Amino acid sequence: MAELTKRKPNRLNQYDYSTPGAYFITICTKNKEKILSTVGATIGRPLIQLTEYGKMIDKAIKTIEKVYPFVTVDQYVIMPNHIHLLLQIHTDENGRPMVAPTIGRVIQQMKGYVTKQIGKNIWQKLYHDHIIRNQNDYNRIWNYITLNPM
């Protein structure tokens, strides 16, 4: 029997994904279907038109901060076949870590909410994450998300 190639782990080994900090997340649709939005040309900046699915996702993203008070969505974009999120887990005013969910739990529940609203799963099984290491990294990701529609 032929040996299967070993898949590279998606997550950083031994890292606690509930650690306060910033995270860049990319979630793709199943089979990269372009079902979330369309990107049209306008003067100066592209215009993103959300589909009905995209509108449900927009609502779900805006709900994250209500469900998880110590998680903020600093920036996001809903592209035709994927979404980018810049999430932060915060500490309290004394710098202590707050009881926060893992990034995986936030993403799992958001995807589950959207799936339930739509009535079918539109998501690729996994997602990509990047732990933001410093302010330059944060600024680079912010700009990437902002400029992605272009």
Protein backbone atom coordinates (compact mmCIF):
# COMPACT_ATOMS: atom_id res chain seq x y z
CA MET A 1 0.00 0.00 0.00
CA ALA A 2 1.37 3.41 -0.95
CA GLU A 3 2.31 5.67 1.92
CA LEU A 4 0.21 8.77 2.31
CA THR A 5 2.00 12.06 2.52
CA LYS A 6 2.01 13.42 6.02
CA ARG A 7 0.01 16.63 6.25
CA LYS A 8 1.71 19.64 7.83
CA PRO A 9 -0.04 20.61 11.08
CA ASN A 10 -2.31 23.65 10.75
CA ARG A 11 -1.71 25.00 14.23
CA LEU A 12 1.46 25.99 16.06
CA ASN A 13 2.47 23.08 18.25
CA GLN A 14 2.09 23.67 22.00
CA TYR A 15 0.57 27.14 21.51
CA ASP A 16 -2.44 28.21 23.60
CA TYR A 17 -4.84 29.82 21.14
CA SER A 18 -6.69 31.54 24.00
CA THR A 19 -3.57 33.63 24.74
CA PRO A 20 -4.21 37.39 24.62
CA GLY A 21 -2.95 38.81 21.35
CA ALA A 22 -3.89 39.38 17.72
CA TYR A 23 -4.65 36.67 15.15
CA PHE A 24 -5.10 36.78 11.38
CA ILE A 25 -7.65 34.22 10.19
CA THR A 26 -8.60 33.15 6.66
CA ILE A 27 -11.63 30.93 6.10
CA CYS A 28 -12.45 29.60 2.61
CA THR A 29 -15.67 28.30 1.14
CA LYS A 30 -15.99 24.65 0.22
CA ASN A 31 -14.46 24.03 -3.23
CA LYS A 32 -13.57 27.76 -3.34
CA GLU A 33 -17.10 28.52 -4.54
CA LYS A 34 -17.64 32.23 -5.15
CA ILE A 35 -20.84 32.54 -3.13
CA LEU A 36 -20.12 35.23 -0.51
CA SER A 37 -19.74 38.44 -2.52
CA THR A 38 -18.85 40.06 -5.79
CA VAL A 39 -16.16 42.68 -6.19
CA GLY A 40 -16.93 45.44 -8.68
CA ALA A 41 -14.87 48.34 -9.89
CA THR A 42 -15.57 51.87 -8.67
CA ILE A 43 -13.52 55.03 -8.71
CA GLY A 44 -10.86 54.83 -6.03
CA ARG A 45 -11.85 51.64 -4.21
CA PRO A 46 -13.51 48.37 -5.24
CA LEU A 47 -17.12 47.91 -4.25
CA ILE A 48 -17.96 44.67 -2.44
CA GLN A 49 -21.55 43.48 -2.92
CA LEU A 50 -22.47 40.82 -0.38
CA THR A 51 -24.67 37.92 -1.43
CA GLU A 52 -27.35 36.64 0.95
CA TYR A 53 -24.72 34.24 2.34
CA GLY A 54 -22.27 37.11 2.69
CA LYS A 55 -24.85 39.16 4.61
CA MET A 56 -25.34 36.27 7.04
CA ILE A 57 -21.59 36.04 7.52
CA ASP A 58 -21.35 39.80 8.05
CA LYS A 59 -23.99 39.53 10.79
CA ALA A 60 -22.16 36.57 12.36
CA ILE A 61 -18.86 38.45 12.39
CA LYS A 62 -20.50 41.47 14.02
CA THR A 63 -21.93 39.15 16.70
CA ILE A 64 -18.53 37.75 17.78
CA GLU A 65 -17.84 40.67 20.13
CA LYS A 66 -21.27 40.30 21.74
CA VAL A 67 -20.86 36.57 22.33
CA TYR A 68 -17.21 36.86 23.43
CA PRO A 69 -16.69 40.17 25.30
CA PHE A 70 -12.89 39.77 25.44
CA VAL A 71 -12.55 39.16 21.70
CA THR A 72 -12.65 42.02 19.20
CA VAL A 73 -12.84 41.97 15.43
CA ASP A 74 -10.41 44.73 14.46
CA GLN A 75 -10.74 44.35 10.68
CA TYR A 76 -12.39 41.96 8.21
CA VAL A 77 -13.32 41.55 4.59
CA ILE A 78 -15.77 39.17 2.91
CA MET A 79 -14.40 38.20 -0.49
CA PRO A 80 -16.21 36.03 -3.09
CA ASN A 81 -14.79 32.72 -1.81
CA HIS A 82 -13.09 33.52 1.51
CA ILE A 83 -13.08 35.84 4.49
CA HIS A 84 -10.19 37.46 6.33
CA LEU A 85 -10.50 38.37 10.00
CA LEU A 86 -8.15 40.25 12.30
CA LEU A 87 -9.16 39.15 15.79
CA GLN A 88 -7.80 40.13 19.18
CA ILE A 89 -8.11 38.45 22.55
CA HIS A 90 -7.73 41.07 25.29
CA THR A 91 -6.48 41.29 28.87
CA ASP A 92 -8.21 43.19 31.69
CA GLU A 93 -7.19 46.70 32.75
CA ASN A 94 -4.42 45.23 34.96
CA GLY A 95 -2.91 43.26 32.09
CA ARG A 96 -4.21 39.92 33.32
CA PRO A 97 -5.51 37.43 30.77
CA MET A 98 -9.28 37.22 30.71
CA VAL A 99 -11.15 33.96 30.50
CA ALA A 100 -11.41 33.76 26.75
CA PRO A 101 -12.32 31.08 24.26
CA THR A 102 -9.73 29.73 21.89
CA ILE A 103 -9.58 31.18 18.38
CA GLY A 104 -10.66 27.73 17.16
CA ARG A 105 -13.82 27.88 19.25
CA VAL A 106 -14.71 31.37 17.98
CA ILE A 107 -14.27 30.26 14.36
CA GLN A 108 -16.09 26.94 14.90
CA GLN A 109 -19.10 28.68 16.45
CA MET A 110 -19.21 31.40 13.79
CA LYS A 111 -19.06 28.81 10.99
CA GLY A 112 -21.69 26.72 12.78
CA TYR A 113 -24.03 29.69 13.17
CA VAL A 114 -23.76 30.52 9.46
CA THR A 115 -24.25 26.87 8.47
CA LYS A 116 -27.40 26.69 10.60
CA GLN A 117 -28.76 29.95 9.12
CA ILE A 118 -28.12 28.82 5.54
CA GLY A 119 -29.21 25.23 6.06
CA LYS A 120 -26.07 23.68 4.58
CA ASN A 121 -22.33 23.72 5.13
CA ILE A 122 -20.55 26.15 2.81
CA TRP A 123 -17.15 26.02 4.52
CA GLN A 124 -13.87 24.32 3.83
CA LYS A 125 -13.09 22.04 6.77
CA LEU A 126 -10.08 23.93 8.11
CA TYR A 127 -8.95 27.54 8.28
CA HIS A 128 -5.61 29.33 8.17
CA ASP A 129 -4.31 31.29 11.14
CA HIS A 130 -1.31 33.51 11.75
CA ILE A 131 -0.32 34.67 15.23
CA ILE A 132 0.54 38.35 14.97
CA ARG A 133 3.90 38.95 16.58
CA ASN A 134 4.34 42.74 16.72
CA GLN A 135 2.95 46.10 15.59
CA ASN A 136 4.61 45.91 12.15
CA ASP A 137 3.05 42.49 11.57
CA TYR A 138 -0.33 43.86 12.72
CA ASN A 139 -0.07 46.87 10.37
CA ARG A 140 0.94 44.63 7.44
CA ILE A 141 -2.08 42.34 8.03
CA TRP A 142 -4.43 45.34 8.46
CA ASN A 143 -3.27 46.71 5.10
CA TYR A 144 -3.52 43.30 3.45
CA ILE A 145 -7.16 42.95 4.54
CA THR A 146 -7.97 46.52 3.48
CA LEU A 147 -6.35 46.11 0.06
CA ASN A 148 -7.48 42.51 -0.61
CA PRO A 149 -10.47 43.52 -2.78
CA MET A 150 -8.13 45.38 -5.14
